[in-house]
Amino acid sequence: MKARGFFLLPAAALLGACASLGGWNSDEMPADVAPTPAAEAPTAAQDYSAGLELHSRGDDAGARRRWMRCVEESPASAQEHLDCLVAIERLAPPPASN
């Protein structure tokens, strides 16, 4: 009797699982689910902050790329523009002495 119960429980669970997946199709999206929008481009403030984080991790090249994008994307009158310019200048190696 125990052996029969041992086989019936997993069989019933498997049958229930298969029945619940009967209408599932990965190629079709339900009508009530909207597609996710594309990610927006980072703002100048986000680029500046990401550059600081990359610099603190030791990735100076990555920090320079983020700060350069900040300079290119932000207007010259924006505070982030100035912050990124200063960060790039401080990241530059000191001039070689003769």
PDB file of N, CA and C in Angstrom:
ATOM      1  N   MET A   1       0.815  -1.186   0.000  1.00  0.00           N
ATOM      2  CA  MET A   1       0.000   0.000   0.000  1.00  0.00           C
ATOM      3  C   MET A   1       0.862   1.255   0.000  1.00  0.00           C
ATOM      4  N   LYS A   2       1.957   1.230   0.749  1.00  0.00           N
ATOM      5  CA  LYS A   2       2.832   2.393   0.798  1.00  0.00           C
ATOM      6  C   LYS A   2       3.509   2.627  -0.551  1.00  0.00           C
ATOM      7  N   ALA A   3       3.871   1.555  -1.224  1.00  0.00           N
ATOM      8  CA  ALA A   3       4.538   1.684  -2.517  1.00  0.00           C
ATOM      9  C   ALA A   3       3.594   2.309  -3.546  1.00  0.00           C
ATOM     10  N   ARG A   4       2.327   1.926  -3.490  1.00  0.00           N
ATOM     11  CA  ARG A   4       1.363   2.480  -4.432  1.00  0.00           C
ATOM     12  C   ARG A   4       1.160   3.978  -4.186  1.00  0.00           C
ATOM     13  N   GLY A   5       1.104   4.393  -2.937  1.00  0.00           N
ATOM     14  CA  GLY A   5       0.980   5.808  -2.595  1.00  0.00           C
ATOM     15  C   GLY A   5       2.225   6.588  -2.985  1.00  0.00           C
ATOM     16  N   PHE A   6       3.366   5.916  -2.894  1.00  0.00           N
ATOM     17  CA  PHE A   6       4.641   6.540  -3.260  1.00  0.00           C
ATOM     18  C   PHE A   6       4.667   6.909  -4.743  1.00  0.00           C
ATOM     19  N   PHE A   7       4.054   6.086  -5.581  1.00  0.00           N
ATOM     20  CA  PHE A   7       4.035   6.355  -7.017  1.00  0.00           C
ATOM     21  C   PHE A   7       2.865   7.249  -7.437  1.00  0.00           C
ATOM     22  N   LEU A   8       1.759   7.198  -6.705  1.00  0.00           N
ATOM     23  CA  LEU A   8       0.596   7.991  -7.078  1.00  0.00           C
ATOM     24  C   LEU A   8       0.799   9.487  -6.823  1.00  0.00           C
ATOM     25  N   LEU A   9       1.458   9.826  -5.739  1.00  0.00           N
ATOM     26  CA  LEU A   9       1.651  11.240  -5.409  1.00  0.00           C
ATOM     27  C   LEU A   9       2.497  11.963  -6.466  1.00  0.00           C
ATOM     28  N   PRO A  10       3.678  11.445  -6.849  1.00  0.00           N
ATOM     29  CA  PRO A  10       4.438  12.129  -7.911  1.00  0.00           C
ATOM     30  C   PRO A  10       3.718  12.126  -9.259  1.00  0.00           C
ATOM     31  N   ALA A  11       2.973  11.047  -9.549  1.00  0.00           N
ATOM     32  CA  ALA A  11       2.251  10.990 -10.820  1.00  0.00           C
ATOM     33  C   ALA A  11       1.164  12.066 -10.862  1.00  0.00           C
ATOM     34  N   ALA A  12       0.469  12.255  -9.755  1.00  0.00           N
ATOM     35  CA  ALA A  12      -0.575  13.283  -9.704  1.00  0.00           C
ATOM     36  C   ALA A  12       0.034  14.675  -9.806  1.00  0.00           C
ATOM     37  N   ALA A  13       1.170  14.880  -9.150  1.00  0.00           N
ATOM     38  CA  ALA A  13       1.839  16.181  -9.222  1.00  0.00           C
ATOM     39  C   ALA A  13       2.312  16.469 -10.644  1.00  0.00           C
ATOM     40  N   LEU A  14       2.864  15.466 -11.306  1.00  0.00           N
ATOM     41  CA  LEU A  14       3.336  15.634 -12.676  1.00  0.00           C
ATOM     42  C   LEU A  14       2.173  15.922 -13.621  1.00  0.00           C
ATOM     43  N   LEU A  15       1.075  15.226 -13.423  1.00  0.00           N
ATOM     44  CA  LEU A  15      -0.099  15.443 -14.261  1.00  0.00           C
ATOM     45  C   LEU A  15      -0.645  16.858 -14.069  1.00  0.00           C
ATOM     46  N   GLY A  16      -0.678  17.326 -12.839  1.00  0.00           N
ATOM     47  CA  GLY A  16      -1.150  18.685 -12.566  1.00  0.00           C
ATOM     48  C   GLY A  16      -0.236  19.736 -13.168  1.00  0.00           C
ATOM     49  N   ALA A  17       1.067  19.504 -13.095  1.00  0.00           N
ATOM     50  CA  ALA A  17       2.022  20.456 -13.662  1.00  0.00           C
ATOM     51  C   ALA A  17       1.898  20.521 -15.178  1.00  0.00           C
ATOM     52  N   CYS A  18       1.753  19.376 -15.803  1.00  0.00           N
ATOM     53  CA  CYS A  18       1.615  19.358 -17.262  1.00  0.00           C
ATOM     54  C   CYS A  18       0.305  20.012 -17.702  1.00  0.00           C
ATOM     55  N   ALA A  19      -0.746  19.824 -16.933  1.00  0.00           N
ATOM     56  CA  ALA A  19      -2.034  20.416 -17.292  1.00  0.00           C
ATOM     57  C   ALA A  19      -1.986  21.934 -17.187  1.00  0.00           C
ATOM     58  N   SER A  20      -1.233  22.447 -16.214  1.00  0.00           N
ATOM     59  CA  SER A  20      -1.163  23.899 -16.065  1.00  0.00           C
ATOM     60  C   SER A  20      -0.336  24.540 -17.170  1.00  0.00           C
ATOM     61  N   LEU A  21       0.553  23.787 -17.794  1.00  0.00           N
ATOM     62  CA  LEU A  21       1.382  24.323 -18.874  1.00  0.00           C
ATOM     63  C   LEU A  21       0.770  24.102 -20.247  1.00  0.00           C
ATOM     64  N   GLY A  22      -0.407  23.519 -20.312  1.00  0.00           N
ATOM     65  CA  GLY A  22      -1.013  23.166 -21.587  1.00  0.00           C
ATOM     66  C   GLY A  22      -1.215  24.341 -22.523  1.00  0.00           C
ATOM     67  N   GLY A  23      -1.631  25.495 -22.036  1.00  0.00           N
ATOM     68  CA  GLY A  23      -1.887  26.637 -22.897  1.00  0.00           C
ATOM     69  C   GLY A  23      -0.720  27.589 -23.006  1.00  0.00           C
ATOM     70  N   TRP A  24       0.389  27.264 -22.441  1.00  0.00           N
ATOM     71  CA  TRP A  24       1.544  28.166 -22.414  1.00  0.00           C
ATOM     72  C   TRP A  24       2.329  28.078 -23.717  1.00  0.00           C
ATOM     73  N   ASN A  25       2.580  29.230 -24.309  1.00  0.00           N
ATOM     74  CA  ASN A  25       3.372  29.292 -25.531  1.00  0.00           C
ATOM     75  C   ASN A  25       4.315  30.475 -25.394  1.00  0.00           C
ATOM     76  N   SER A  26       5.598  30.237 -25.496  1.00  0.00           N
ATOM     77  CA  SER A  26       6.574  31.309 -25.277  1.00  0.00           C
ATOM     78  C   SER A  26       6.638  32.296 -26.436  1.00  0.00           C
ATOM     79  N   ASP A  27       6.083  31.945 -27.588  1.00  0.00           N
ATOM     80  CA  ASP A  27       6.151  32.836 -28.743  1.00  0.00           C
ATOM     81  C   ASP A  27       5.070  33.913 -28.723  1.00  0.00           C
ATOM     82  N   GLU A  28       4.038  33.708 -27.957  1.00  0.00           N
ATOM     83  CA  GLU A  28       2.934  34.656 -27.932  1.00  0.00           C
ATOM     84  C   GLU A  28       2.943  35.447 -26.633  1.00  0.00           C
ATOM     85  N   MET A  29       2.698  36.739 -26.740  1.00  0.00           N
ATOM     86  CA  MET A  29       2.614  37.594 -25.559  1.00  0.00           C
ATOM     87  C   MET A  29       1.142  37.864 -25.281  1.00  0.00           C
ATOM     88  N   PRO A  30       0.718  37.745 -24.019  1.00  0.00           N
ATOM     89  CA  PRO A  30      -0.681  38.053 -23.710  1.00  0.00           C
ATOM     90  C   PRO A  30      -1.025  39.482 -24.122  1.00  0.00           C
ATOM     91  N   ALA A  31      -2.289  39.692 -24.469  1.00  0.00           N
ATOM     92  CA  ALA A  31      -2.716  40.999 -24.973  1.00  0.00           C
ATOM     93  C   ALA A  31      -2.631  42.088 -23.918  1.00  0.00           C
ATOM     94  N   ASP A  32      -2.746  41.737 -22.636  1.00  0.00           N
ATOM     95  CA  ASP A  32      -2.748  42.758 -21.597  1.00  0.00           C
ATOM     96  C   ASP A  32      -1.349  43.156 -21.137  1.00  0.00           C
ATOM     97  N   VAL A  33      -0.314  42.550 -21.684  1.00  0.00           N
ATOM     98  CA  VAL A  33       1.059  42.876 -21.289  1.00  0.00           C
ATOM     99  C   VAL A  33       1.681  43.764 -22.361  1.00  0.00           C
ATOM    100  N   ALA A  34       2.079  44.957 -21.965  1.00  0.00           N
ATOM    101  CA  ALA A  34       2.702  45.889 -22.911  1.00  0.00           C
ATOM    102  C   ALA A  34       4.202  45.617 -22.979  1.00  0.00           C
ATOM    103  N   PRO A  35       4.816  45.793 -24.129  1.00  0.00           N
ATOM    104  CA  PRO A  35       6.262  45.610 -24.224  1.00  0.00           C
ATOM    105  C   PRO A  35       6.992  46.666 -23.398  1.00  0.00           C
ATOM    106  N   THR A  36       8.140  46.302 -22.875  1.00  0.00           N
ATOM    107  CA  THR A  36       8.905  47.249 -22.063  1.00  0.00           C
ATOM    108  C   THR A  36       9.541  48.298 -22.969  1.00  0.00           C
ATOM    109  N   PRO A  37       9.523  49.546 -22.556  1.00  0.00           N
ATOM    110  CA  PRO A  37      10.122  50.601 -23.384  1.00  0.00           C
ATOM    111  C   PRO A  37      11.646  50.494 -23.382  1.00  0.00           C
ATOM    112  N   ALA A  38      12.244  51.053 -24.398  1.00  0.00           N
ATOM    113  CA  ALA A  38      13.701  51.055 -24.491  1.00  0.00           C
ATOM    114  C   ALA A  38      14.282  51.927 -23.385  1.00  0.00           C
ATOM    115  N   ALA A  39      15.470  51.574 -22.938  1.00  0.00           N
ATOM    116  CA  ALA A  39      16.123  52.336 -21.871  1.00  0.00           C
ATOM    117  C   ALA A  39      16.522  53.714 -22.389  1.00  0.00           C
ATOM    118  N   GLU A  40      16.365  54.698 -21.531  1.00  0.00           N
ATOM    119  CA  GLU A  40      16.735  56.056 -21.911  1.00  0.00           C
ATOM    120  C   GLU A  40      18.241  56.239 -21.760  1.00  0.00           C
ATOM    121  N   ALA A  41      18.782  57.174 -22.509  1.00  0.00           N
ATOM    122  CA  ALA A  41      20.209  57.478 -22.413  1.00  0.00           C
ATOM    123  C   ALA A  41      20.495  58.102 -21.050  1.00  0.00           C
ATOM    124  N   PRO A  42      21.663  57.819 -20.482  1.00  0.00           N
ATOM    125  CA  PRO A  42      21.981  58.402 -19.173  1.00  0.00           C
ATOM    126  C   PRO A  42      22.118  59.920 -19.256  1.00  0.00           C
ATOM    127  N   THR A  43      21.771  60.577 -18.180  1.00  0.00           N
ATOM    128  CA  THR A  43      21.903  62.028 -18.115  1.00  0.00           C
ATOM    129  C   THR A  43      23.353  62.387 -17.814  1.00  0.00           C
ATOM    130  N   ALA A  44      23.664  63.667 -17.917  1.00  0.00           N
ATOM    131  CA  ALA A  44      25.024  64.121 -17.626  1.00  0.00           C
ATOM    132  C   ALA A  44      25.379  63.857 -16.167  1.00  0.00           C
ATOM    133  N   ALA A  45      24.428  64.043 -15.270  1.00  0.00           N
ATOM    134  CA  ALA A  45      24.686  63.781 -13.848  1.00  0.00           C
ATOM    135  C   ALA A  45      24.959  62.299 -13.609  1.00  0.00           C
ATOM    136  N   GLN A  46      24.243  61.428 -14.323  1.00  0.00           N
ATOM    137  CA  GLN A  46      24.485  59.992 -14.187  1.00  0.00           C
ATOM    138  C   GLN A  46      25.851  59.619 -14.747  1.00  0.00           C
ATOM    139  N   ASP A  47      26.236  60.234 -15.872  1.00  0.00           N
ATOM    140  CA  ASP A  47      27.566  59.972 -16.426  1.00  0.00           C
ATOM    141  C   ASP A  47      28.657  60.424 -15.469  1.00  0.00           C
ATOM    142  N   TYR A  48      28.477  61.576 -14.841  1.00  0.00           N
ATOM    143  CA  TYR A  48      29.466  62.072 -13.887  1.00  0.00           C
ATOM    144  C   TYR A  48      29.591  61.116 -12.703  1.00  0.00           C
ATOM    145  N   SER A  49      28.461  60.696 -12.150  1.00  0.00           N
ATOM    146  CA  SER A  49      28.483  59.776 -11.011  1.00  0.00           C
ATOM    147  C   SER A  49      29.086  58.428 -11.388  1.00  0.00           C
ATOM    148  N   ALA A  50      28.752  57.935 -12.574  1.00  0.00           N
ATOM    149  CA  ALA A  50      29.318  56.664 -13.021  1.00  0.00           C
ATOM    150  C   ALA A  50      30.827  56.785 -13.202  1.00  0.00           C
ATOM    151  N   GLY A  51      31.287  57.932 -13.697  1.00  0.00           N
ATOM    152  CA  GLY A  51      32.725  58.155 -13.829  1.00  0.00           C
ATOM    153  C   GLY A  51      33.425  58.147 -12.482  1.00  0.00           C
ATOM    154  N   LEU A  52      32.797  58.757 -11.478  1.00  0.00           N
ATOM    155  CA  LEU A  52      33.379  58.732 -10.129  1.00  0.00           C
ATOM    156  C   LEU A  52      33.484  57.308  -9.600  1.00  0.00           C
ATOM    157  N   GLU A  53      32.444  56.529  -9.824  1.00  0.00           N
ATOM    158  CA  GLU A  53      32.460  55.145  -9.349  1.00  0.00           C
ATOM    159  C   GLU A  53      33.525  54.329 -10.075  1.00  0.00           C
ATOM    160  N   LEU A  54      33.628  54.496 -11.385  1.00  0.00           N
ATOM    161  CA  LEU A  54      34.647  53.770 -12.144  1.00  0.00           C
ATOM    162  C   LEU A  54      36.049  54.173 -11.696  1.00  0.00           C
ATOM    163  N   HIS A  55      36.252  55.460 -11.447  1.00  0.00           N
ATOM    164  CA  HIS A  55      37.561  55.938 -10.991  1.00  0.00           C
ATOM    165  C   HIS A  55      37.905  55.348  -9.621  1.00  0.00           C
ATOM    166  N   SER A  56      36.917  55.259  -8.737  1.00  0.00           N
ATOM    167  CA  SER A  56      37.181  54.694  -7.411  1.00  0.00           C
ATOM    168  C   SER A  56      37.504  53.209  -7.487  1.00  0.00           C
ATOM    169  N   ARG A  57      37.046  52.533  -8.534  1.00  0.00           N
ATOM    170  CA  ARG A  57      37.358  51.113  -8.736  1.00  0.00           C
ATOM    171  C   ARG A  57      38.677  50.909  -9.474  1.00  0.00           C
ATOM    172  N   GLY A  58      39.289  52.000  -9.919  1.00  0.00           N
ATOM    173  CA  GLY A  58      40.567  51.891 -10.612  1.00  0.00           C
ATOM    174  C   GLY A  58      40.464  51.845 -12.124  1.00  0.00           C
ATOM    175  N   ASP A  59      39.279  52.029 -12.677  1.00  0.00           N
ATOM    176  CA  ASP A  59      39.084  52.006 -14.131  1.00  0.00           C
ATOM    177  C   ASP A  59      39.109  53.439 -14.649  1.00  0.00           C
ATOM    178  N   ASP A  60      40.318  53.985 -14.804  1.00  0.00           N
ATOM    179  CA  ASP A  60      40.445  55.377 -15.245  1.00  0.00           C
ATOM    180  C   ASP A  60      39.991  55.571 -16.690  1.00  0.00           C
ATOM    181  N   ALA A  61      40.227  54.579 -17.539  1.00  0.00           N
ATOM    182  CA  ALA A  61      39.799  54.696 -18.939  1.00  0.00           C
ATOM    183  C   ALA A  61      38.268  54.751 -19.026  1.00  0.00           C
ATOM    184  N   GLY A  62      37.592  53.914 -18.260  1.00  0.00           N
ATOM    185  CA  GLY A  62      36.130  53.935 -18.241  1.00  0.00           C
ATOM    186  C   GLY A  62      35.595  55.241 -17.683  1.00  0.00           C
ATOM    187  N   ALA A  63      36.254  55.745 -16.630  1.00  0.00           N
ATOM    188  CA  ALA A  63      35.839  57.021 -16.043  1.00  0.00           C
ATOM    189  C   ALA A  63      36.001  58.146 -17.055  1.00  0.00           C
ATOM    190  N   ARG A  64      37.117  58.147 -17.777  1.00  0.00           N
ATOM    191  CA  ARG A  64      37.354  59.184 -18.782  1.00  0.00           C
ATOM    192  C   ARG A  64      36.289  59.129 -19.878  1.00  0.00           C
ATOM    193  N   ARG A  65      35.898  57.924 -20.310  1.00  0.00           N
ATOM    194  CA  ARG A  65      34.859  57.791 -21.343  1.00  0.00           C
ATOM    195  C   ARG A  65      33.530  58.370 -20.862  1.00  0.00           C
ATOM    196  N   ARG A  66      33.149  58.061 -19.619  1.00  0.00           N
ATOM    197  CA  ARG A  66      31.879  58.570 -19.099  1.00  0.00           C
ATOM    198  C   ARG A  66      31.916  60.084 -18.961  1.00  0.00           C
ATOM    199  N   TRP A  67      33.039  60.625 -18.487  1.00  0.00           N
ATOM    200  CA  TRP A  67      33.143  62.075 -18.320  1.00  0.00           C
ATOM    201  C   TRP A  67      33.189  62.779 -19.673  1.00  0.00           C
ATOM    202  N   MET A  68      33.824  62.172 -20.665  1.00  0.00           N
ATOM    203  CA  MET A  68      33.837  62.767 -22.007  1.00  0.00           C
ATOM    204  C   MET A  68      32.419  62.788 -22.593  1.00  0.00           C
ATOM    205  N   ARG A  69      31.655  61.714 -22.370  1.00  0.00           N
ATOM    206  CA  ARG A  69      30.269  61.697 -22.844  1.00  0.00           C
ATOM    207  C   ARG A  69      29.461  62.776 -22.130  1.00  0.00           C
ATOM    208  N   CYS A  70      29.737  62.976 -20.844  1.00  0.00           N
ATOM    209  CA  CYS A  70      29.063  64.031 -20.076  1.00  0.00           C
ATOM    210  C   CYS A  70      29.352  65.395 -20.692  1.00  0.00           C
ATOM    211  N   VAL A  71      30.609  65.641 -21.054  1.00  0.00           N
ATOM    212  CA  VAL A  71      30.992  66.927 -21.654  1.00  0.00           C
ATOM    213  C   VAL A  71      30.323  67.098 -23.015  1.00  0.00           C
ATOM    214  N   GLU A  72      30.281  66.022 -23.804  1.00  0.00           N
ATOM    215  CA  GLU A  72      29.695  66.105 -25.138  1.00  0.00           C
ATOM    216  C   GLU A  72      28.182  66.313 -25.100  1.00  0.00           C
ATOM    217  N   GLU A  73      27.503  65.698 -24.147  1.00  0.00           N
ATOM    218  CA  GLU A  73      26.043  65.725 -24.121  1.00  0.00           C
ATOM    219  C   GLU A  73      25.455  66.907 -23.357  1.00  0.00           C
ATOM    220  N   SER A  74      26.191  67.483 -22.423  1.00  0.00           N
ATOM    221  CA  SER A  74      25.614  68.546 -21.594  1.00  0.00           C
ATOM    222  C   SER A  74      25.925  69.917 -22.182  1.00  0.00           C
ATOM    223  N   PRO A  75      25.035  70.879 -21.970  1.00  0.00           N
ATOM    224  CA  PRO A  75      25.317  72.239 -22.437  1.00  0.00           C
ATOM    225  C   PRO A  75      26.455  72.848 -21.623  1.00  0.00           C
ATOM    226  N   ALA A  76      27.166  73.780 -22.232  1.00  0.00           N
ATOM    227  CA  ALA A  76      28.337  74.377 -21.576  1.00  0.00           C
ATOM    228  C   ALA A  76      27.969  75.127 -20.308  1.00  0.00           C
ATOM    229  N   SER A  77      26.732  75.547 -20.179  1.00  0.00           N
ATOM    230  CA  SER A  77      26.319  76.298 -18.993  1.00  0.00           C
ATOM    231  C   SER A  77      25.911  75.395 -17.828  1.00  0.00           C
ATOM    232  N   ALA A  78      25.847  74.088 -18.045  1.00  0.00           N
ATOM    233  CA  ALA A  78      25.401  73.167 -16.995  1.00  0.00           C
ATOM    234  C   ALA A  78      26.518  72.903 -15.989  1.00  0.00           C
ATOM    235  N   GLN A  79      26.137  72.706 -14.736  1.00  0.00           N
ATOM    236  CA  GLN A  79      27.110  72.426 -13.679  1.00  0.00           C
ATOM    237  C   GLN A  79      27.817  71.093 -13.928  1.00  0.00           C
ATOM    238  N   GLU A  80      27.092  70.099 -14.445  1.00  0.00           N
ATOM    239  CA  GLU A  80      27.703  68.799 -14.718  1.00  0.00           C
ATOM    240  C   GLU A  80      28.808  68.919 -15.761  1.00  0.00           C
ATOM    241  N   HIS A  81      28.626  69.813 -16.720  1.00  0.00           N
ATOM    242  CA  HIS A  81      29.633  70.027 -17.758  1.00  0.00           C
ATOM    243  C   HIS A  81      30.955  70.451 -17.115  1.00  0.00           C
ATOM    244  N   LEU A  82      30.878  71.422 -16.222  1.00  0.00           N
ATOM    245  CA  LEU A  82      32.073  71.898 -15.527  1.00  0.00           C
ATOM    246  C   LEU A  82      32.653  70.811 -14.628  1.00  0.00           C
ATOM    247  N   ASP A  83      31.797  70.077 -13.919  1.00  0.00           N
ATOM    248  CA  ASP A  83      32.270  69.001 -13.047  1.00  0.00           C
ATOM    249  C   ASP A  83      33.031  67.942 -13.836  1.00  0.00           C
ATOM    250  N   CYS A  84      32.516  67.580 -14.994  1.00  0.00           N
ATOM    251  CA  CYS A  84      33.177  66.562 -15.816  1.00  0.00           C
ATOM    252  C   CYS A  84      34.497  67.081 -16.378  1.00  0.00           C
ATOM    253  N   LEU A  85      34.538  68.348 -16.785  1.00  0.00           N
ATOM    254  CA  LEU A  85      35.795  68.923 -17.273  1.00  0.00           C
ATOM    255  C   LEU A  85      36.869  68.914 -16.186  1.00  0.00           C
ATOM    256  N   VAL A  86      36.486  69.283 -14.971  1.00  0.00           N
ATOM    257  CA  VAL A  86      37.439  69.291 -13.857  1.00  0.00           C
ATOM    258  C   VAL A  86      37.908  67.871 -13.553  1.00  0.00           C
ATOM    259  N   ALA A  87      36.994  66.913 -13.587  1.00  0.00           N
ATOM    260  CA  ALA A  87      37.367  65.524 -13.315  1.00  0.00           C
ATOM    261  C   ALA A  87      38.341  65.005 -14.363  1.00  0.00           C
ATOM    262  N   ILE A  88      38.108  65.340 -15.632  1.00  0.00           N
ATOM    263  CA  ILE A  88      39.026  64.909 -16.695  1.00  0.00           C
ATOM    264  C   ILE A  88      40.388  65.550 -16.499  1.00  0.00           C
ATOM    265  N   GLU A  89      40.406  66.823 -16.138  1.00  0.00           N
ATOM    266  CA  GLU A  89      41.674  67.525 -15.929  1.00  0.00           C
ATOM    267  C   GLU A  89      42.449  66.914 -14.766  1.00  0.00           C
ATOM    268  N   ARG A  90      41.760  66.573 -13.703  1.00  0.00           N
ATOM    269  CA  ARG A  90      42.433  65.967 -12.546  1.00  0.00           C
ATOM    270  C   ARG A  90      42.910  64.559 -12.844  1.00  0.00           C
ATOM    271  N   LEU A  91      42.248  63.889 -13.759  1.00  0.00           N
ATOM    272  CA  LEU A  91      42.634  62.530 -14.122  1.00  0.00           C
ATOM    273  C   LEU A  91      43.862  62.521 -15.023  1.00  0.00           C
ATOM    274  N   ALA A  92      44.120  63.631 -15.707  1.00  0.00           N
ATOM    275  CA  ALA A  92      45.256  63.704 -16.635  1.00  0.00           C
ATOM    276  C   ALA A  92      46.562  63.531 -15.867  1.00  0.00           C
ATOM    277  N   PRO A  93      47.522  62.848 -16.457  1.00  0.00           N
ATOM    278  CA  PRO A  93      48.814  62.684 -15.779  1.00  0.00           C
ATOM    279  C   PRO A  93      49.523  64.030 -15.664  1.00  0.00           C
ATOM    280  N   PRO A  94      50.340  64.210 -14.627  1.00  0.00           N
ATOM    281  CA  PRO A  94      51.056  65.479 -14.484  1.00  0.00           C
ATOM    282  C   PRO A  94      52.021  65.681 -15.650  1.00  0.00           C
ATOM    283  N   PRO A  95      52.277  66.925 -16.035  1.00  0.00           N
ATOM    284  CA  PRO A  95      53.194  67.175 -17.157  1.00  0.00           C
ATOM    285  C   PRO A  95      54.606  66.700 -16.805  1.00  0.00           C
ATOM    286  N   ALA A  96      55.270  66.169 -17.799  1.00  0.00           N
ATOM    287  CA  ALA A  96      56.637  65.669 -17.593  1.00  0.00           C
ATOM    288  C   ALA A  96      57.591  66.843 -17.414  1.00  0.00           C
ATOM    289  N   SER A  97      58.441  66.739 -16.418  1.00  0.00           N
ATOM    290  CA  SER A  97      59.418  67.814 -16.184  1.00  0.00           C
ATOM    291  C   SER A  97      60.678  67.549 -16.997  1.00  0.00           C
ATOM    292  N   ASN A  98      61.331  68.623 -17.452  1.00  0.00           N
ATOM    293  CA  ASN A  98      62.529  68.482 -18.291  1.00  0.00           C
ATOM    294  C   ASN A  98      63.752  68.369 -17.466  1.00  0.00           C
TER     295      ASN A  98
END
